[in-house]
Structure formats: structure tokens, C-alpha cells
């Protein structure tokens, strides 16, 4: 479910960025958005806590 939501958000924001900022910078904006999202929430958009196996 996380990759589907992430792909939709990324696609919409990339199209908005290409319309308002520049079409040439839209891929740079998309890459920066992915890096920022992984920095803020490394477990993913709908990440679940994983229990420790003993």
C-alpha cells in the first residue's frame, strides 16, 4: 500500500512542480522529495513496527 500512495503523491507533486517551477527541474524536485521523505520517515509512509525475534 505504501508504494502506491507514494507513487501517487510523487506523480502529483512532480506535475505541480513542473507547472509552477520548471519542467527541467521536476526530476530534481522528485529526487529531493524522495530523499527528504526517507530522511523524515525511513520506515515508509505506512510503515509498521517490527517486533524483535529472540
N, C-alpha and C. Protein backbone atom coordinates (compact mmCIF):
# COMPACT_ATOMS: atom_id res chain seq x y z
N UNK A 1 0.82 -1.20 0.00
CA UNK A 1 0.00 0.00 0.00
C UNK A 1 0.87 1.27 0.00
N UNK A 2 2.01 1.22 0.69
CA UNK A 2 2.88 2.39 0.77
C UNK A 2 3.43 2.84 -0.58
N UNK A 3 3.93 1.90 -1.42
CA UNK A 3 4.44 2.34 -2.73
C UNK A 3 3.37 2.94 -3.63
N UNK A 4 2.15 2.47 -3.51
CA UNK A 4 1.06 3.03 -4.32
C UNK A 4 0.78 4.46 -3.90
N UNK A 5 0.67 4.70 -2.61
CA UNK A 5 0.41 6.04 -2.10
C UNK A 5 1.59 6.96 -2.42
N UNK A 6 2.80 6.46 -2.22
CA UNK A 6 3.99 7.26 -2.51
C UNK A 6 4.10 7.61 -3.98
N UNK A 7 3.78 6.67 -4.86
CA UNK A 7 3.83 6.93 -6.29
C UNK A 7 2.82 7.97 -6.72
N UNK A 8 1.62 7.89 -6.16
CA UNK A 8 0.60 8.89 -6.49
C UNK A 8 1.00 10.28 -6.00
N UNK A 9 1.48 10.35 -4.78
CA UNK A 9 1.90 11.65 -4.23
C UNK A 9 3.06 12.22 -5.04
N UNK A 10 4.03 11.38 -5.36
CA UNK A 10 5.19 11.82 -6.13
C UNK A 10 4.78 12.30 -7.52
N UNK A 11 3.91 11.58 -8.18
CA UNK A 11 3.46 11.97 -9.51
C UNK A 11 2.72 13.30 -9.52
N UNK A 12 1.82 13.47 -8.55
CA UNK A 12 1.06 14.73 -8.47
C UNK A 12 1.98 15.90 -8.16
N UNK A 13 2.86 15.73 -7.18
CA UNK A 13 3.76 16.83 -6.82
C UNK A 13 4.77 17.15 -7.92
N UNK A 14 5.20 16.13 -8.67
CA UNK A 14 6.12 16.38 -9.78
C UNK A 14 5.44 17.17 -10.89
N UNK A 15 4.18 16.86 -11.17
CA UNK A 15 3.45 17.62 -12.18
C UNK A 15 3.17 19.04 -11.73
N UNK A 16 2.87 19.22 -10.47
CA UNK A 16 2.66 20.58 -9.95
C UNK A 16 3.96 21.38 -10.02
N UNK A 17 5.06 20.74 -9.67
CA UNK A 17 6.36 21.43 -9.71
C UNK A 17 6.73 21.79 -11.14
N UNK A 18 6.44 20.91 -12.10
CA UNK A 18 6.78 21.23 -13.49
C UNK A 18 5.91 22.36 -14.02
N UNK A 19 4.72 22.51 -13.49
CA UNK A 19 3.84 23.59 -13.93
C UNK A 19 4.20 24.93 -13.33
N UNK A 20 4.58 24.94 -12.06
CA UNK A 20 4.86 26.20 -11.38
C UNK A 20 6.33 26.60 -11.41
N UNK A 21 7.22 25.63 -11.28
CA UNK A 21 8.64 25.97 -11.18
C UNK A 21 9.29 25.89 -12.56
N UNK A 22 9.57 24.67 -13.02
CA UNK A 22 10.20 24.47 -14.30
C UNK A 22 10.10 22.99 -14.66
N UNK A 23 9.88 22.71 -15.92
CA UNK A 23 9.79 21.32 -16.35
C UNK A 23 11.15 20.64 -16.28
N UNK A 24 12.21 21.41 -16.42
CA UNK A 24 13.55 20.84 -16.36
C UNK A 24 13.96 20.48 -14.94
N UNK A 25 13.40 21.15 -13.95
CA UNK A 25 13.76 20.88 -12.56
C UNK A 25 12.81 19.89 -11.89
N UNK A 26 11.82 19.37 -12.61
CA UNK A 26 10.84 18.50 -11.97
C UNK A 26 11.46 17.18 -11.51
N UNK A 27 12.41 16.63 -12.27
CA UNK A 27 13.04 15.39 -11.84
C UNK A 27 13.95 15.62 -10.63
N UNK A 28 14.59 16.78 -10.58
CA UNK A 28 15.39 17.13 -9.41
C UNK A 28 14.51 17.29 -8.18
N UNK A 29 13.36 17.91 -8.37
CA UNK A 29 12.40 18.08 -7.29
C UNK A 29 11.90 16.72 -6.80
N UNK A 30 11.63 15.80 -7.71
CA UNK A 30 11.16 14.47 -7.33
C UNK A 30 12.23 13.72 -6.54
N UNK A 31 13.48 13.80 -6.97
CA UNK A 31 14.56 13.14 -6.25
C UNK A 31 14.73 13.73 -4.86
N UNK A 32 14.67 15.05 -4.76
CA UNK A 32 14.80 15.70 -3.46
C UNK A 32 13.64 15.31 -2.54
N UNK A 33 12.46 15.18 -3.09
CA UNK A 33 11.30 14.79 -2.30
C UNK A 33 11.46 13.37 -1.75
N UNK A 34 11.99 12.47 -2.56
CA UNK A 34 12.23 11.10 -2.11
C UNK A 34 13.27 11.07 -0.99
N UNK A 35 14.35 11.82 -1.15
CA UNK A 35 15.40 11.86 -0.14
C UNK A 35 14.86 12.44 1.17
N UNK A 36 14.09 13.50 1.09
CA UNK A 36 13.54 14.13 2.29
C UNK A 36 12.56 13.18 2.98
N UNK A 37 11.73 12.49 2.21
CA UNK A 37 10.77 11.57 2.81
C UNK A 37 11.47 10.40 3.50
N UNK A 38 12.54 9.88 2.91
CA UNK A 38 13.28 8.80 3.54
C UNK A 38 14.03 9.28 4.77
N UNK A 39 14.43 10.52 4.79
CA UNK A 39 15.11 11.07 5.95
C UNK A 39 14.14 11.27 7.11
N UNK A 40 12.93 11.75 6.80
CA UNK A 40 11.93 12.01 7.83
C UNK A 40 11.29 10.72 8.33
N UNK A 41 10.91 9.85 7.42
CA UNK A 41 10.18 8.64 7.78
C UNK A 41 10.80 7.43 7.09
N UNK A 42 11.89 6.89 7.63
CA UNK A 42 12.61 5.80 6.96
C UNK A 42 11.85 4.47 6.91
N UNK A 43 10.81 4.30 7.73
CA UNK A 43 10.05 3.06 7.70
C UNK A 43 9.01 3.05 6.60
N UNK A 44 8.83 4.15 5.90
CA UNK A 44 7.87 4.22 4.82
C UNK A 44 6.64 5.02 5.23
N UNK A 45 5.76 5.24 4.28
CA UNK A 45 4.57 6.04 4.56
C UNK A 45 3.61 5.33 5.50
N UNK A 46 3.43 4.04 5.30
CA UNK A 46 2.52 3.26 6.15
C UNK A 46 3.30 2.17 6.87
N UNK A 47 4.51 2.50 7.30
CA UNK A 47 5.39 1.54 7.94
C UNK A 47 4.82 0.99 9.24
N UNK A 48 5.11 -0.24 9.50
CA UNK A 48 4.66 -0.88 10.72
C UNK A 48 5.87 -1.20 11.58
N UNK A 49 5.67 -1.17 12.88
CA UNK A 49 6.76 -1.52 13.78
C UNK A 49 6.97 -3.04 13.72
N UNK A 50 8.21 -3.42 13.66
CA UNK A 50 8.56 -4.82 13.59
C UNK A 50 9.07 -5.27 14.95
N UNK A 51 8.49 -6.34 15.45
CA UNK A 51 8.92 -6.86 16.73
C UNK A 51 10.25 -7.57 16.61
N UNK A 52 10.99 -7.61 17.70
CA UNK A 52 12.29 -8.27 17.70
C UNK A 52 12.10 -9.77 17.88
N UNK A 53 12.79 -10.56 17.09
CA UNK A 53 12.77 -12.00 17.25
C UNK A 53 13.87 -12.38 18.23
N UNK A 54 13.53 -13.27 19.10
CA UNK A 54 14.52 -13.70 20.11
C UNK A 54 14.89 -15.14 19.85
